[in-house]
N, C-alpha and C. Protein backbone atom coordinates (compact mmCIF):
# COMPACT_ATOMS: atom_id res chain seq x y z
N UNK A 1 -5.00 4.35 17.88
CA UNK A 1 -6.33 4.83 17.58
C UNK A 1 -6.73 4.34 16.19
N UNK A 2 -7.91 3.78 16.09
CA UNK A 2 -8.39 3.25 14.82
C UNK A 2 -8.94 4.38 13.95
N UNK A 3 -8.61 4.34 12.69
CA UNK A 3 -9.10 5.28 11.70
C UNK A 3 -9.66 4.43 10.56
N UNK A 4 -10.98 4.19 10.54
CA UNK A 4 -11.57 3.30 9.54
C UNK A 4 -11.30 3.72 8.09
N UNK A 5 -11.22 5.01 7.84
CA UNK A 5 -10.96 5.48 6.48
C UNK A 5 -9.54 5.10 6.07
N UNK A 6 -8.58 5.37 6.94
CA UNK A 6 -7.19 5.04 6.63
C UNK A 6 -7.02 3.52 6.52
N UNK A 7 -7.70 2.78 7.38
CA UNK A 7 -7.63 1.32 7.31
C UNK A 7 -8.15 0.81 5.98
N UNK A 8 -9.21 1.42 5.45
CA UNK A 8 -9.72 1.00 4.14
C UNK A 8 -8.70 1.28 3.04
N UNK A 9 -7.95 2.38 3.18
CA UNK A 9 -6.90 2.70 2.22
C UNK A 9 -5.76 1.68 2.32
N UNK A 10 -5.36 1.36 3.55
CA UNK A 10 -4.30 0.35 3.73
C UNK A 10 -4.70 -0.98 3.10
N UNK A 11 -5.92 -1.39 3.36
CA UNK A 11 -6.40 -2.68 2.85
C UNK A 11 -6.45 -2.66 1.32
N UNK A 12 -6.96 -1.58 0.76
CA UNK A 12 -7.04 -1.48 -0.70
C UNK A 12 -5.66 -1.49 -1.33
N UNK A 13 -4.74 -0.69 -0.79
CA UNK A 13 -3.38 -0.64 -1.34
C UNK A 13 -2.66 -1.97 -1.19
N UNK A 14 -2.91 -2.68 -0.11
CA UNK A 14 -2.22 -3.96 0.10
C UNK A 14 -2.55 -4.96 -1.00
N UNK A 15 -3.69 -4.80 -1.65
CA UNK A 15 -4.07 -5.72 -2.73
C UNK A 15 -3.08 -5.69 -3.89
N UNK A 16 -2.35 -4.59 -4.03
CA UNK A 16 -1.35 -4.50 -5.10
C UNK A 16 -0.26 -5.55 -4.95
N UNK A 17 0.03 -5.95 -3.72
CA UNK A 17 1.13 -6.88 -3.46
C UNK A 17 0.67 -8.33 -3.29
N UNK A 18 -0.61 -8.60 -3.48
CA UNK A 18 -1.08 -9.99 -3.40
C UNK A 18 -0.54 -10.77 -4.59
N UNK A 19 -0.42 -12.06 -4.41
CA UNK A 19 0.10 -12.94 -5.46
C UNK A 19 -1.00 -13.29 -6.46
N UNK A 20 -1.59 -12.24 -7.03
CA UNK A 20 -2.65 -12.39 -8.04
C UNK A 20 -2.50 -11.27 -9.05
N UNK A 21 -3.10 -11.46 -10.22
CA UNK A 21 -3.10 -10.42 -11.24
C UNK A 21 -4.33 -9.56 -11.05
N UNK A 22 -4.14 -8.26 -11.02
CA UNK A 22 -5.27 -7.34 -10.94
C UNK A 22 -5.67 -6.92 -12.34
N UNK A 23 -6.95 -7.05 -12.66
CA UNK A 23 -7.43 -6.57 -13.96
C UNK A 23 -7.88 -5.11 -13.81
N UNK A 24 -8.36 -4.54 -14.90
CA UNK A 24 -8.76 -3.13 -14.87
C UNK A 24 -9.86 -2.86 -13.86
N UNK A 25 -10.78 -3.79 -13.69
CA UNK A 25 -11.86 -3.56 -12.72
C UNK A 25 -11.33 -3.61 -11.29
N UNK A 26 -10.36 -4.46 -11.03
CA UNK A 26 -9.74 -4.51 -9.71
C UNK A 26 -8.98 -3.23 -9.40
N UNK A 27 -8.25 -2.72 -10.39
CA UNK A 27 -7.53 -1.46 -10.20
C UNK A 27 -8.50 -0.31 -10.01
N UNK A 28 -9.62 -0.33 -10.76
CA UNK A 28 -10.63 0.73 -10.62
C UNK A 28 -11.27 0.69 -9.23
N UNK A 29 -11.46 -0.51 -8.69
CA UNK A 29 -12.04 -0.63 -7.35
C UNK A 29 -11.10 -0.05 -6.30
N UNK A 30 -9.80 -0.31 -6.44
CA UNK A 30 -8.82 0.27 -5.52
C UNK A 30 -8.84 1.80 -5.66
N UNK A 31 -8.85 2.29 -6.89
CA UNK A 31 -8.87 3.73 -7.13
C UNK A 31 -10.11 4.38 -6.51
N UNK A 32 -11.26 3.72 -6.61
CA UNK A 32 -12.49 4.26 -6.02
C UNK A 32 -12.36 4.36 -4.50
N UNK A 33 -11.82 3.30 -3.89
CA UNK A 33 -11.63 3.32 -2.44
C UNK A 33 -10.72 4.48 -2.03
N UNK A 34 -9.64 4.68 -2.77
CA UNK A 34 -8.72 5.77 -2.47
C UNK A 34 -9.39 7.12 -2.69
N UNK A 35 -10.15 7.25 -3.75
CA UNK A 35 -10.81 8.52 -4.07
C UNK A 35 -11.82 8.91 -3.00
N UNK A 36 -12.61 7.95 -2.54
CA UNK A 36 -13.64 8.29 -1.56
C UNK A 36 -13.06 8.50 -0.16
N UNK A 37 -11.79 8.15 0.02
CA UNK A 37 -11.16 8.36 1.33
C UNK A 37 -11.06 9.85 1.67
N UNK A 38 -10.98 10.67 0.63
CA UNK A 38 -10.82 12.10 0.86
C UNK A 38 -9.39 12.55 1.04
N UNK A 39 -8.44 11.61 1.08
CA UNK A 39 -7.04 11.99 1.20
C UNK A 39 -6.55 12.59 -0.12
N UNK A 40 -5.74 13.65 -0.05
CA UNK A 40 -5.14 14.18 -1.28
C UNK A 40 -4.18 13.16 -1.89
N UNK A 41 -3.94 13.28 -3.17
CA UNK A 41 -3.08 12.33 -3.87
C UNK A 41 -1.69 12.26 -3.25
N UNK A 42 -1.14 13.38 -2.82
CA UNK A 42 0.19 13.37 -2.19
C UNK A 42 0.20 12.53 -0.92
N UNK A 43 -0.88 12.62 -0.14
CA UNK A 43 -0.98 11.82 1.09
C UNK A 43 -1.15 10.35 0.74
N UNK A 44 -1.94 10.04 -0.27
CA UNK A 44 -2.10 8.64 -0.70
C UNK A 44 -0.76 8.07 -1.16
N UNK A 45 0.02 8.87 -1.85
CA UNK A 45 1.36 8.44 -2.28
C UNK A 45 2.23 8.14 -1.06
N UNK A 46 2.16 8.98 -0.05
CA UNK A 46 2.95 8.76 1.17
C UNK A 46 2.47 7.52 1.91
N UNK A 47 1.18 7.30 1.96
CA UNK A 47 0.64 6.10 2.60
C UNK A 47 1.14 4.86 1.85
N UNK A 48 1.10 4.92 0.54
CA UNK A 48 1.58 3.82 -0.32
C UNK A 48 3.06 3.52 -0.05
N UNK A 49 3.90 4.56 -0.08
CA UNK A 49 5.35 4.37 0.04
C UNK A 49 5.86 4.14 1.46
N UNK A 50 5.27 4.84 2.44
CA UNK A 50 5.82 4.84 3.79
C UNK A 50 5.07 3.99 4.79
N UNK A 51 3.82 3.65 4.50
CA UNK A 51 3.03 2.89 5.46
C UNK A 51 2.73 1.47 4.98
N UNK A 52 2.29 1.32 3.74
CA UNK A 52 1.87 0.00 3.26
C UNK A 52 3.03 -0.79 2.64
N UNK A 53 3.75 -0.18 1.71
CA UNK A 53 4.82 -0.91 1.02
C UNK A 53 5.82 -1.57 1.97
N UNK A 54 6.28 -0.87 3.02
CA UNK A 54 7.25 -1.51 3.91
C UNK A 54 6.71 -2.76 4.62
N UNK A 55 5.41 -2.87 4.70
CA UNK A 55 4.80 -4.00 5.40
C UNK A 55 4.63 -5.21 4.48
N UNK A 56 4.21 -4.98 3.24
CA UNK A 56 3.77 -6.10 2.39
C UNK A 56 4.66 -6.38 1.18
N UNK A 57 5.68 -5.58 0.95
CA UNK A 57 6.44 -5.70 -0.29
C UNK A 57 7.08 -7.06 -0.50
N UNK A 58 7.50 -7.70 0.55
CA UNK A 58 8.20 -8.99 0.38
C UNK A 58 7.27 -10.05 -0.20
N UNK A 59 5.97 -9.87 -0.07
CA UNK A 59 5.03 -10.84 -0.63
C UNK A 59 5.14 -10.92 -2.15
N UNK A 60 5.48 -9.80 -2.78
CA UNK A 60 5.61 -9.78 -4.24
C UNK A 60 6.81 -10.61 -4.70
N UNK A 61 7.77 -10.83 -3.83
CA UNK A 61 8.98 -11.57 -4.18
C UNK A 61 8.97 -13.00 -3.65
N UNK A 62 7.93 -13.38 -2.92
CA UNK A 62 7.84 -14.72 -2.35
C UNK A 62 7.46 -15.73 -3.43
N UNK A 63 7.98 -16.94 -3.31
CA UNK A 63 7.66 -18.00 -4.27
C UNK A 63 6.18 -18.32 -4.25
N UNK A 64 5.62 -18.47 -3.09
CA UNK A 64 4.19 -18.74 -2.95
C UNK A 64 3.64 -17.74 -1.92
N UNK A 65 3.40 -16.53 -2.39
CA UNK A 65 2.97 -15.47 -1.49
C UNK A 65 1.49 -15.54 -1.16
N UNK A 66 1.08 -14.66 -0.30
CA UNK A 66 -0.33 -14.54 0.08
C UNK A 66 -1.10 -14.09 -1.16
N UNK A 67 -2.18 -14.74 -1.47
CA UNK A 67 -2.96 -14.41 -2.65
C UNK A 67 -4.40 -14.02 -2.34
N UNK A 68 -4.90 -14.42 -1.16
CA UNK A 68 -6.32 -14.21 -0.86
C UNK A 68 -6.57 -13.04 0.08
N UNK A 69 -5.56 -12.28 0.40
CA UNK A 69 -5.73 -11.10 1.25
C UNK A 69 -4.93 -11.22 2.53
N UNK A 70 -4.34 -10.12 2.92
CA UNK A 70 -3.56 -10.08 4.16
C UNK A 70 -4.52 -10.02 5.34
N UNK A 71 -4.09 -10.58 6.46
CA UNK A 71 -4.89 -10.52 7.68
C UNK A 71 -5.03 -9.04 8.07
N UNK A 72 -6.26 -8.54 8.11
CA UNK A 72 -6.45 -7.11 8.39
C UNK A 72 -5.87 -6.67 9.74
N UNK A 73 -6.02 -7.47 10.77
CA UNK A 73 -5.48 -7.07 12.08
C UNK A 73 -3.97 -6.90 12.02
N UNK A 74 -3.30 -7.85 11.38
CA UNK A 74 -1.85 -7.77 11.22
C UNK A 74 -1.46 -6.56 10.38
N UNK A 75 -2.15 -6.37 9.26
CA UNK A 75 -1.86 -5.27 8.35
C UNK A 75 -2.05 -3.92 9.05
N UNK A 76 -3.18 -3.76 9.73
CA UNK A 76 -3.48 -2.49 10.38
C UNK A 76 -2.47 -2.16 11.48
N UNK A 77 -2.11 -3.17 12.26
CA UNK A 77 -1.12 -2.95 13.33
C UNK A 77 0.22 -2.50 12.76
N UNK A 78 0.67 -3.20 11.71
CA UNK A 78 1.97 -2.87 11.11
C UNK A 78 1.93 -1.50 10.42
N UNK A 79 0.84 -1.20 9.72
CA UNK A 79 0.73 0.10 9.06
C UNK A 79 0.62 1.23 10.07
N UNK A 80 -0.06 0.99 11.19
CA UNK A 80 -0.15 1.99 12.25
C UNK A 80 1.25 2.33 12.78
N UNK A 81 2.07 1.30 12.96
CA UNK A 81 3.46 1.53 13.42
C UNK A 81 4.20 2.41 12.41
N UNK A 82 4.04 2.09 11.12
CA UNK A 82 4.71 2.87 10.09
C UNK A 82 4.17 4.29 10.01
N UNK A 83 2.88 4.45 10.25
CA UNK A 83 2.29 5.79 10.26
C UNK A 83 2.96 6.64 11.34
N UNK A 84 3.21 6.05 12.49
CA UNK A 84 3.86 6.78 13.58
C UNK A 84 5.32 7.08 13.25
N UNK A 85 5.95 6.23 12.43
CA UNK A 85 7.38 6.38 12.09
C UNK A 85 7.62 7.32 10.91
N UNK A 86 6.58 7.77 10.26
CA UNK A 86 6.74 8.52 9.01
C UNK A 86 7.68 9.71 9.10
N UNK A 87 7.73 10.37 10.23
CA UNK A 87 8.60 11.54 10.38
C UNK A 87 10.03 11.15 10.73
N UNK A 88 10.23 9.90 11.08
CA UNK A 88 11.56 9.43 11.46
C UNK A 88 12.49 9.43 10.25
N UNK A 89 13.64 10.05 10.40
CA UNK A 89 14.62 10.05 9.31
C UNK A 89 15.06 8.63 8.97
N UNK A 90 15.17 7.78 9.99
CA UNK A 90 15.58 6.40 9.75
C UNK A 90 14.54 5.69 8.88
N UNK A 91 13.27 5.81 9.22
CA UNK A 91 12.21 5.14 8.45
C UNK A 91 12.15 5.69 7.02
N UNK A 92 12.19 6.99 6.88
CA UNK A 92 12.13 7.59 5.55
C UNK A 92 13.35 7.19 4.71
N UNK A 93 14.52 7.16 5.34
CA UNK A 93 15.73 6.75 4.62
C UNK A 93 15.68 5.30 4.21
N UNK A 94 15.21 4.45 5.10
CA UNK A 94 15.07 3.02 4.78
C UNK A 94 14.09 2.84 3.62
N UNK A 95 12.98 3.54 3.67
CA UNK A 95 11.99 3.43 2.59
C UNK A 95 12.56 3.96 1.27
N UNK A 96 13.34 5.02 1.33
CA UNK A 96 13.95 5.56 0.12
C UNK A 96 14.97 4.57 -0.44
N UNK A 97 15.77 3.98 0.43
CA UNK A 97 16.78 3.02 0.00
C UNK A 97 16.15 1.78 -0.63
N UNK A 98 15.05 1.31 -0.04
CA UNK A 98 14.40 0.09 -0.52
C UNK A 98 13.25 0.35 -1.48
N UNK A 99 13.05 1.59 -1.86
CA UNK A 99 11.88 1.95 -2.67
C UNK A 99 11.72 1.09 -3.92
N UNK A 100 12.79 0.91 -4.66
CA UNK A 100 12.70 0.14 -5.89
C UNK A 100 12.30 -1.31 -5.60
N UNK A 101 12.91 -1.91 -4.61
CA UNK A 101 12.58 -3.29 -4.25
C UNK A 101 11.14 -3.39 -3.75
N UNK A 102 10.71 -2.39 -2.99
CA UNK A 102 9.37 -2.44 -2.40
C UNK A 102 8.27 -2.18 -3.42
N UNK A 103 8.56 -1.42 -4.47
CA UNK A 103 7.49 -1.01 -5.37
C UNK A 103 7.63 -1.48 -6.82
N UNK A 104 8.77 -2.07 -7.18
CA UNK A 104 8.99 -2.45 -8.58
C UNK A 104 7.90 -3.38 -9.12
N UNK A 105 7.47 -4.32 -8.31
CA UNK A 105 6.49 -5.30 -8.78
C UNK A 105 5.10 -4.71 -8.98
N UNK A 106 4.85 -3.54 -8.40
CA UNK A 106 3.50 -2.97 -8.46
C UNK A 106 3.46 -1.58 -9.09
N UNK A 107 4.58 -1.07 -9.54
CA UNK A 107 4.63 0.32 -10.01
C UNK A 107 3.73 0.60 -11.20
N UNK A 108 3.56 -0.35 -12.11
CA UNK A 108 2.67 -0.13 -13.26
C UNK A 108 1.22 -0.03 -12.81
N UNK A 109 0.81 -0.93 -11.91
CA UNK A 109 -0.56 -0.87 -11.38
C UNK A 109 -0.78 0.41 -10.59
N UNK A 110 0.22 0.82 -9.81
CA UNK A 110 0.09 2.05 -9.04
C UNK A 110 -0.07 3.25 -9.97
N UNK A 111 0.68 3.27 -11.07
CA UNK A 111 0.56 4.38 -12.04
C UNK A 111 -0.85 4.41 -12.64
N UNK A 112 -1.42 3.25 -12.93
CA UNK A 112 -2.79 3.20 -13.45
C UNK A 112 -3.80 3.70 -12.44
N UNK A 113 -3.59 3.35 -11.19
CA UNK A 113 -4.49 3.82 -10.13
C UNK A 113 -4.37 5.32 -9.96
N UNK A 114 -3.15 5.82 -9.90
CA UNK A 114 -2.94 7.27 -9.76
C UNK A 114 -3.59 8.05 -10.89
N UNK A 115 -3.56 7.50 -12.08
CA UNK A 115 -4.17 8.18 -13.24
C UNK A 115 -5.69 8.29 -13.07
N UNK A 116 -6.27 7.43 -12.25
CA UNK A 116 -7.71 7.46 -12.04
C UNK A 116 -8.13 8.35 -10.88
N UNK A 117 -7.16 8.87 -10.13
CA UNK A 117 -7.49 9.69 -8.96
C UNK A 117 -7.69 11.15 -9.36
């Protein structure tokens, strides 16, 4: 089932892992998208860690990663799968185990965005 609001959050968060530098205005734009979604900060944190990061994190470590945006159809399908897996102990454990690898490259930007929420 499509959820346009959640999809906009997935797309905005995925920008953190693009092979580009985000400036303050880019981070503010992501924060605005997250704020208008209506999701509480705890839910946004869970979407970040359990739905988006497992899909796109390897791009931050690629030599020549995606820089112009992830394919939305691919992103939404993969994030939808992770959304369904969120209660799975296996998925949560895997995300916990890989958390540092999945988020190290973007943790400073994520902290700046969270401060704006």
